[in-house]
Amino acid sequence: MKKIKFQGHEIEYDERKPRSWKFQRLVASANENPNAAFEAIDSLLLGRADEISELLGDDVDVMGELATAIINECGGTAKN
């Protein structure tokens, strides 16, 4: 597990997820199944996505920015 500083908070995440086949499949299927995106982000954030969302103001765009920042930090690419 690693941590990223984001909007003044240290947020723990699973650095293995962005390179995971299952994670990438969830991200890729998000257009057809929006729940897949939530599942992917929740797995990335160790099952704490709702808690972290509240911490960050309950803003879906901010959560997307967080996920993108983590994926980029892990050397992946945030594509959808």
C-alpha atoms as a PDB file:
ATOM      1  CA  MET A   1       0.000   0.000   0.000  1.00  0.00           C
ATOM      2  CA  LYS A   2       1.145   3.524  -0.757  1.00  0.00           C
ATOM      3  CA  LYS A   3      -0.063   7.025   0.050  1.00  0.00           C
ATOM      4  CA  ILE A   4      -0.634  10.055  -2.128  1.00  0.00           C
ATOM      5  CA  LYS A   5      -1.007  13.652  -1.003  1.00  0.00           C
ATOM      6  CA  PHE A   6      -4.169  15.031  -2.574  1.00  0.00           C
ATOM      7  CA  GLN A   7      -5.932  18.265  -1.679  1.00  0.00           C
ATOM      8  CA  GLY A   8      -4.137  18.425   1.657  1.00  0.00           C
ATOM      9  CA  HIS A   9      -4.913  14.825   2.627  1.00  0.00           C
ATOM     10  CA  GLU A  10      -2.791  11.679   2.650  1.00  0.00           C
ATOM     11  CA  ILE A  11      -4.811   8.964   0.974  1.00  0.00           C
ATOM     12  CA  GLU A  12      -3.800   5.319   1.067  1.00  0.00           C
ATOM     13  CA  TYR A  13      -4.246   3.177  -2.038  1.00  0.00           C
ATOM     14  CA  ASP A  14      -3.297  -0.176  -3.529  1.00  0.00           C
ATOM     15  CA  GLU A  15      -0.485   0.559  -5.974  1.00  0.00           C
ATOM     16  CA  ARG A  16      -0.974  -2.842  -7.653  1.00  0.00           C
ATOM     17  CA  LYS A  17      -4.494  -2.111  -8.866  1.00  0.00           C
ATOM     18  CA  PRO A  18      -3.721   0.131 -11.877  1.00  0.00           C
ATOM     19  CA  ARG A  19      -1.716  -2.709 -13.425  1.00  0.00           C
ATOM     20  CA  SER A  20      -4.323  -5.342 -12.567  1.00  0.00           C
ATOM     21  CA  TRP A  21      -6.247  -7.022 -15.380  1.00  0.00           C
ATOM     22  CA  LYS A  22      -9.492  -6.975 -13.372  1.00  0.00           C
ATOM     23  CA  PHE A  23      -9.089  -3.267 -12.570  1.00  0.00           C
ATOM     24  CA  GLN A  24      -8.414  -2.406 -16.209  1.00  0.00           C
ATOM     25  CA  ARG A  25     -11.456  -4.406 -17.328  1.00  0.00           C
ATOM     26  CA  LEU A  26     -13.638  -2.503 -14.887  1.00  0.00           C
ATOM     27  CA  VAL A  27     -12.303   0.838 -16.098  1.00  0.00           C
ATOM     28  CA  ALA A  28     -12.714  -0.149 -19.738  1.00  0.00           C
ATOM     29  CA  SER A  29     -16.323  -1.226 -19.199  1.00  0.00           C
ATOM     30  CA  ALA A  30     -17.335   1.932 -17.318  1.00  0.00           C
ATOM     31  CA  ASN A  31     -19.081   3.500 -20.325  1.00  0.00           C
ATOM     32  CA  GLU A  32     -21.472   0.547 -20.595  1.00  0.00           C
ATOM     33  CA  ASN A  33     -21.671  -0.101 -16.851  1.00  0.00           C
ATOM     34  CA  PRO A  34     -21.169   3.011 -14.696  1.00  0.00           C
ATOM     35  CA  ASN A  35     -21.070   0.890 -11.537  1.00  0.00           C
ATOM     36  CA  ALA A  36     -17.839  -0.657 -12.833  1.00  0.00           C
ATOM     37  CA  ALA A  37     -16.081   2.699 -12.440  1.00  0.00           C
ATOM     38  CA  PHE A  38     -17.206   2.938  -8.813  1.00  0.00           C
ATOM     39  CA  GLU A  39     -16.086  -0.630  -8.167  1.00  0.00           C
ATOM     40  CA  ALA A  40     -12.673   0.080  -9.715  1.00  0.00           C
ATOM     41  CA  ILE A  41     -12.144   3.239  -7.662  1.00  0.00           C
ATOM     42  CA  ASP A  42     -13.301   1.508  -4.490  1.00  0.00           C
ATOM     43  CA  SER A  43     -10.814  -1.324  -5.054  1.00  0.00           C
ATOM     44  CA  LEU A  44      -8.050   1.209  -5.726  1.00  0.00           C
ATOM     45  CA  LEU A  45      -8.869   2.988  -2.459  1.00  0.00           C
ATOM     46  CA  LEU A  46      -8.926  -0.188  -0.368  1.00  0.00           C
ATOM     47  CA  GLY A  47     -12.706  -0.261  -0.015  1.00  0.00           C
ATOM     48  CA  ARG A  48     -12.781   3.278   1.407  1.00  0.00           C
ATOM     49  CA  ALA A  49     -14.039   5.240  -1.621  1.00  0.00           C
ATOM     50  CA  ASP A  50     -17.209   6.499   0.092  1.00  0.00           C
ATOM     51  CA  GLU A  51     -15.271   7.630   3.164  1.00  0.00           C
ATOM     52  CA  ILE A  52     -12.649   9.359   1.016  1.00  0.00           C
ATOM     53  CA  SER A  53     -15.345  10.952  -1.137  1.00  0.00           C
ATOM     54  CA  GLU A  54     -16.858  12.529   1.967  1.00  0.00           C
ATOM     55  CA  LEU A  55     -13.422  13.738   3.038  1.00  0.00           C
ATOM     56  CA  LEU A  56     -12.987  15.396  -0.382  1.00  0.00           C
ATOM     57  CA  GLY A  57     -16.380  17.101  -0.460  1.00  0.00           C
ATOM     58  CA  ASP A  58     -18.471  14.348  -2.071  1.00  0.00           C
ATOM     59  CA  ASP A  59     -17.586  15.521  -5.598  1.00  0.00           C
ATOM     60  CA  VAL A  60     -17.520  12.934  -8.393  1.00  0.00           C
ATOM     61  CA  ASP A  61     -15.100  15.035 -10.474  1.00  0.00           C
ATOM     62  CA  VAL A  62     -12.650  15.259  -7.577  1.00  0.00           C
ATOM     63  CA  MET A  63     -12.801  11.485  -7.117  1.00  0.00           C
ATOM     64  CA  GLY A  64     -12.013  11.077 -10.816  1.00  0.00           C
ATOM     65  CA  GLU A  65      -9.062  13.455 -10.446  1.00  0.00           C
ATOM     66  CA  LEU A  66      -7.830  11.445  -7.454  1.00  0.00           C
ATOM     67  CA  ALA A  67      -8.083   8.157  -9.342  1.00  0.00           C
ATOM     68  CA  THR A  68      -6.258   9.674 -12.320  1.00  0.00           C
ATOM     69  CA  ALA A  69      -3.500  11.067 -10.073  1.00  0.00           C
ATOM     70  CA  ILE A  70      -3.005   7.659  -8.441  1.00  0.00           C
ATOM     71  CA  ILE A  71      -2.989   5.792 -11.751  1.00  0.00           C
ATOM     72  CA  ASN A  72      -0.474   8.238 -13.222  1.00  0.00           C
ATOM     73  CA  GLU A  73       1.721   7.979 -10.116  1.00  0.00           C
ATOM     74  CA  CYS A  74       1.747   4.195 -10.530  1.00  0.00           C
ATOM     75  CA  GLY A  75       2.993   4.549 -14.105  1.00  0.00           C
ATOM     76  CA  GLY A  76      -0.305   3.593 -15.650  1.00  0.00           C
ATOM     77  CA  THR A  77      -2.530   5.600 -17.909  1.00  0.00           C
ATOM     78  CA  ALA A  78      -5.971   6.825 -17.038  1.00  0.00           C
ATOM     79  CA  LYS A  79      -7.915   6.121 -20.213  1.00  0.00           C
ATOM     80  CA  ASN A  80     -11.585   5.531 -20.740  1.00  0.00           C
END
